[in-house]
Amino acid sequence: MALLVSHYIEHFTYAGLFLVLILCGLGLPVPEDVALLAGGFMVHRGITEFPITLAVSFVGVIAGDNTLFYVGRKFGSTVIAYLGLGRPKSQRQIERLKGFMARNGHMAIFYARFLAGVRALVYLTAGSLRVVSPARFFIYDSLGALISVPIVVSLGYLFGAQIESVIHYMGGFENIIFVIVILSLLFYGTRLLISASQEHDAGST
């Protein structure tokens, strides 16, 4: 997959890399990290320059993320209905999710930048709920990208000859992170249920 992406970028260089990253942010069935690795691979082959590739990658990633965020703000009600949260019984879930995003949305946005499996969902939800301001989203998304983008592009540059092995390794690593996230969400959900149960018992006494 990385070789196919790099072949496309090779013909369109920086513009191709920028376009692919925006489309990845909007749901193109190509992992964003693969595009970043392919950008580093182009530097490894001497087709592009490292500083320019980093700059284009950063701007492309931020543009894709913010486009997804604004799609959530524009079509928030549709997104919520699609996620199954528009029913009356789910209103409390929505309010809790809004409360969570109001308190911890900035950190969720920052850490989601490192989690390919949940990144798009977090950004779309942040826009749909209209709790996180566009400026706040931009700041914390940019902070995450300042760390993640140089790392992934550098991996493609330094390990260009073994790029397919790098992609395979990163996929395995992300799977581990995904499991940790799921366990954390289950733990958080259990705490919410216990808290709700205690509030119910206290109200009935």
Protein backbone atom coordinates (compact mmCIF):
# COMPACT_ATOMS: atom_id res chain seq x y z
CA MET A 1 0.00 0.00 0.00
CA ALA A 2 2.79 2.41 0.92
CA LEU A 3 4.47 1.76 -2.42
CA LEU A 4 1.24 2.58 -4.29
CA VAL A 5 0.84 5.83 -2.34
CA SER A 6 4.49 6.73 -2.86
CA HIS A 7 4.14 6.03 -6.59
CA TYR A 8 1.27 8.55 -6.72
CA ILE A 9 3.19 11.11 -4.68
CA GLU A 10 6.25 10.60 -6.87
CA HIS A 11 4.30 11.93 -9.86
CA PHE A 12 2.62 14.82 -8.03
CA THR A 13 5.26 15.34 -5.28
CA TYR A 14 4.21 17.90 -2.67
CA ALA A 15 0.76 18.62 -4.10
CA GLY A 16 0.05 14.90 -4.24
CA LEU A 17 1.13 14.40 -0.63
CA PHE A 18 -1.00 17.33 0.52
CA LEU A 19 -4.09 16.07 -1.33
CA VAL A 20 -3.71 12.50 -0.04
CA LEU A 21 -3.42 13.70 3.57
CA ILE A 22 -6.57 15.82 3.31
CA LEU A 23 -8.48 12.90 1.78
CA CYS A 24 -7.17 10.59 4.52
CA GLY A 25 -8.59 12.96 7.10
CA LEU A 26 -11.96 12.84 5.32
CA GLY A 27 -12.15 9.06 5.26
CA LEU A 28 -10.06 7.88 2.30
CA PRO A 29 -9.49 4.13 2.91
CA VAL A 30 -5.74 4.67 3.26
CA PRO A 31 -4.26 5.16 6.76
CA GLU A 32 -2.88 8.65 7.21
CA ASP A 33 0.33 7.22 8.66
CA VAL A 34 0.92 5.32 5.43
CA ALA A 35 0.81 8.60 3.50
CA LEU A 36 3.26 10.18 5.97
CA LEU A 37 5.58 7.20 5.69
CA ALA A 38 5.36 7.44 1.91
CA GLY A 39 6.33 11.12 2.17
CA GLY A 40 9.40 10.15 4.19
CA PHE A 41 10.13 7.40 1.68
CA MET A 42 10.19 10.01 -1.11
CA VAL A 43 12.78 11.96 0.88
CA HIS A 44 14.76 8.72 1.28
CA ARG A 45 14.79 8.32 -2.49
CA GLY A 46 15.87 11.93 -3.00
CA ILE A 47 12.67 12.93 -4.81
CA THR A 48 11.57 15.52 -2.22
CA GLU A 49 13.31 17.65 0.40
CA PHE A 50 12.93 16.76 4.08
CA PRO A 51 12.02 20.24 5.48
CA ILE A 52 9.47 20.92 2.73
CA THR A 53 7.99 17.43 3.11
CA LEU A 54 7.58 18.01 6.85
CA ALA A 55 5.90 21.36 6.29
CA VAL A 56 3.53 20.02 3.62
CA SER A 57 2.71 16.97 5.77
CA PHE A 58 1.93 19.13 8.80
CA VAL A 59 -0.31 21.52 6.86
CA GLY A 60 -2.05 18.62 5.09
CA VAL A 61 -2.75 16.80 8.35
CA ILE A 62 -4.09 19.93 10.06
CA ALA A 63 -6.22 20.81 7.03
CA GLY A 64 -7.75 17.32 6.97
CA ASP A 65 -8.44 17.28 10.70
CA ASN A 66 -10.04 20.71 10.75
CA THR A 67 -12.16 19.91 7.69
CA LEU A 68 -13.51 16.86 9.51
CA PHE A 69 -14.14 18.96 12.62
CA TYR A 70 -16.12 21.54 10.61
CA VAL A 71 -18.07 18.78 8.87
CA GLY A 72 -19.14 17.69 12.37
CA ARG A 73 -20.17 21.25 13.27
CA LYS A 74 -22.08 21.70 10.01
CA PHE A 75 -23.90 18.36 10.06
CA GLY A 76 -23.87 17.71 13.79
CA SER A 77 -27.46 16.53 14.14
CA THR A 78 -27.08 14.14 11.22
CA VAL A 79 -23.87 12.72 12.66
CA ILE A 80 -25.44 12.22 16.08
CA ALA A 81 -28.42 10.46 14.51
CA TYR A 82 -26.07 8.25 12.50
CA LEU A 83 -24.22 7.27 15.67
CA GLY A 84 -27.55 6.29 17.23
CA LEU A 85 -27.50 9.04 19.86
CA GLY A 86 -30.51 10.96 18.65
CA ARG A 87 -33.17 8.88 20.43
CA PRO A 88 -34.80 10.29 23.60
CA LYS A 89 -33.28 7.55 25.75
CA SER A 90 -29.84 8.64 24.61
CA GLN A 91 -30.15 12.29 25.67
CA ARG A 92 -28.42 11.59 29.00
CA GLN A 93 -25.58 9.93 27.11
CA ILE A 94 -25.24 13.00 24.92
CA GLU A 95 -25.19 15.29 27.96
CA ARG A 96 -22.52 13.15 29.62
CA LEU A 97 -20.48 13.12 26.45
CA LYS A 98 -20.80 16.91 26.22
CA GLY A 99 -19.68 17.20 29.83
CA PHE A 100 -16.70 14.97 29.16
CA MET A 101 -15.69 16.96 26.08
CA ALA A 102 -16.13 20.24 27.95
CA ARG A 103 -13.77 19.03 30.69
CA ASN A 104 -11.34 16.84 28.75
CA GLY A 105 -11.96 17.60 25.09
CA HIS A 106 -8.59 19.29 24.62
CA MET A 107 -6.72 16.22 25.87
CA ALA A 108 -8.94 13.85 23.86
CA ILE A 109 -8.12 15.83 20.71
CA PHE A 110 -4.40 15.82 21.51
CA TYR A 111 -4.14 12.09 22.24
CA ALA A 112 -6.42 11.10 19.35
CA ARG A 113 -3.74 12.39 16.98
CA PHE A 114 -1.65 9.33 17.99
CA LEU A 115 -4.51 6.81 17.68
CA ALA A 116 -5.42 6.07 14.08
CA GLY A 117 -8.34 3.84 15.03
CA VAL A 118 -10.30 6.52 16.94
CA ARG A 119 -8.89 9.77 15.55
CA ALA A 120 -11.62 10.55 13.00
CA LEU A 121 -14.44 9.63 15.39
CA VAL A 122 -13.07 11.90 18.14
CA TYR A 123 -12.66 14.86 15.77
CA LEU A 124 -16.09 14.38 14.20
CA THR A 125 -17.71 14.08 17.63
CA ALA A 126 -15.87 17.16 18.91
CA GLY A 127 -17.34 19.17 16.04
CA SER A 128 -20.83 17.64 16.29
CA LEU A 129 -21.29 18.39 20.00
CA ARG A 130 -20.18 22.04 19.57
CA VAL A 131 -18.53 22.04 22.98
CA VAL A 132 -14.94 22.45 21.80
CA SER A 133 -14.30 25.78 20.08
CA PRO A 134 -12.58 25.81 16.66
CA ALA A 135 -9.61 27.69 18.13
CA ARG A 136 -9.20 25.15 20.93
CA PHE A 137 -9.42 22.27 18.47
CA PHE A 138 -6.83 23.87 16.20
CA ILE A 139 -4.37 24.45 19.04
CA TYR A 140 -4.44 20.95 20.52
CA ASP A 141 -4.60 19.22 17.16
CA SER A 142 -1.56 21.24 16.06
CA LEU A 143 0.32 20.34 19.24
CA GLY A 144 -0.29 16.66 18.59
CA ALA A 145 0.69 16.98 14.93
CA LEU A 146 3.93 18.77 15.85
CA ILE A 147 4.96 15.54 17.59
CA SER A 148 3.38 12.80 15.46
CA VAL A 149 4.06 14.10 11.95
CA PRO A 150 7.86 14.49 12.25
CA ILE A 151 8.13 11.06 13.90
CA VAL A 152 6.24 9.18 11.18
CA VAL A 153 7.86 11.08 8.28
CA SER A 154 11.29 10.45 9.82
CA LEU A 155 10.52 6.73 10.07
CA GLY A 156 9.77 6.66 6.35
CA TYR A 157 13.01 8.51 5.64
CA LEU A 158 15.31 6.55 7.95
CA PHE A 159 13.85 3.12 7.19
CA GLY A 160 12.91 3.63 3.56
CA ALA A 161 14.39 0.29 2.52
CA GLN A 162 12.24 -1.53 5.09
CA ILE A 163 9.13 0.65 4.80
CA GLU A 164 6.71 -2.25 4.45
CA SER A 165 8.09 -3.78 7.67
CA VAL A 166 7.71 -0.44 9.44
CA ILE A 167 4.05 -0.21 8.39
CA HIS A 168 3.43 -3.75 9.62
CA TYR A 169 5.07 -2.95 12.97
CA MET A 170 3.11 0.28 13.41
CA GLY A 171 -0.12 -1.55 12.67
CA GLY A 172 0.63 -4.00 15.44
CA PHE A 173 1.54 -1.21 17.83
CA GLU A 174 -1.68 0.68 17.07
CA ASN A 175 -3.67 -2.48 17.75
CA ILE A 176 -2.15 -2.63 21.22
CA ILE A 177 -2.96 1.04 21.82
CA PHE A 178 -6.51 0.45 20.56
CA VAL A 179 -7.01 -2.34 23.12
CA ILE A 180 -5.74 -0.04 25.87
CA VAL A 181 -8.19 2.68 24.77
CA ILE A 182 -11.10 0.21 24.78
CA LEU A 183 -10.18 -0.99 28.28
CA SER A 184 -9.94 2.62 29.46
CA LEU A 185 -13.37 3.41 28.01
CA LEU A 186 -14.84 0.32 29.69
CA PHE A 187 -13.32 1.42 33.00
CA TYR A 188 -14.71 4.94 32.55
CA GLY A 189 -18.13 3.55 31.58
CA THR A 190 -18.16 1.30 34.66
CA ARG A 191 -17.41 4.29 36.87
CA LEU A 192 -20.30 6.21 35.29
CA LEU A 193 -22.69 3.31 35.89
CA ILE A 194 -21.59 2.98 39.52
CA SER A 195 -21.95 6.74 40.03
CA ALA A 196 -25.41 6.75 38.44
CA SER A 197 -26.46 3.79 40.60
CA GLN A 198 -25.28 5.53 43.77
CA GLU A 199 -27.13 8.73 42.80
CA HIS A 200 -30.28 6.70 42.18
CA ASP A 201 -30.00 4.92 45.54
CA ALA A 202 -29.36 8.22 47.31
CA GLY A 203 -32.39 9.80 45.64
CA SER A 204 -34.69 6.94 46.56
CA THR A 205 -33.79 7.06 50.26
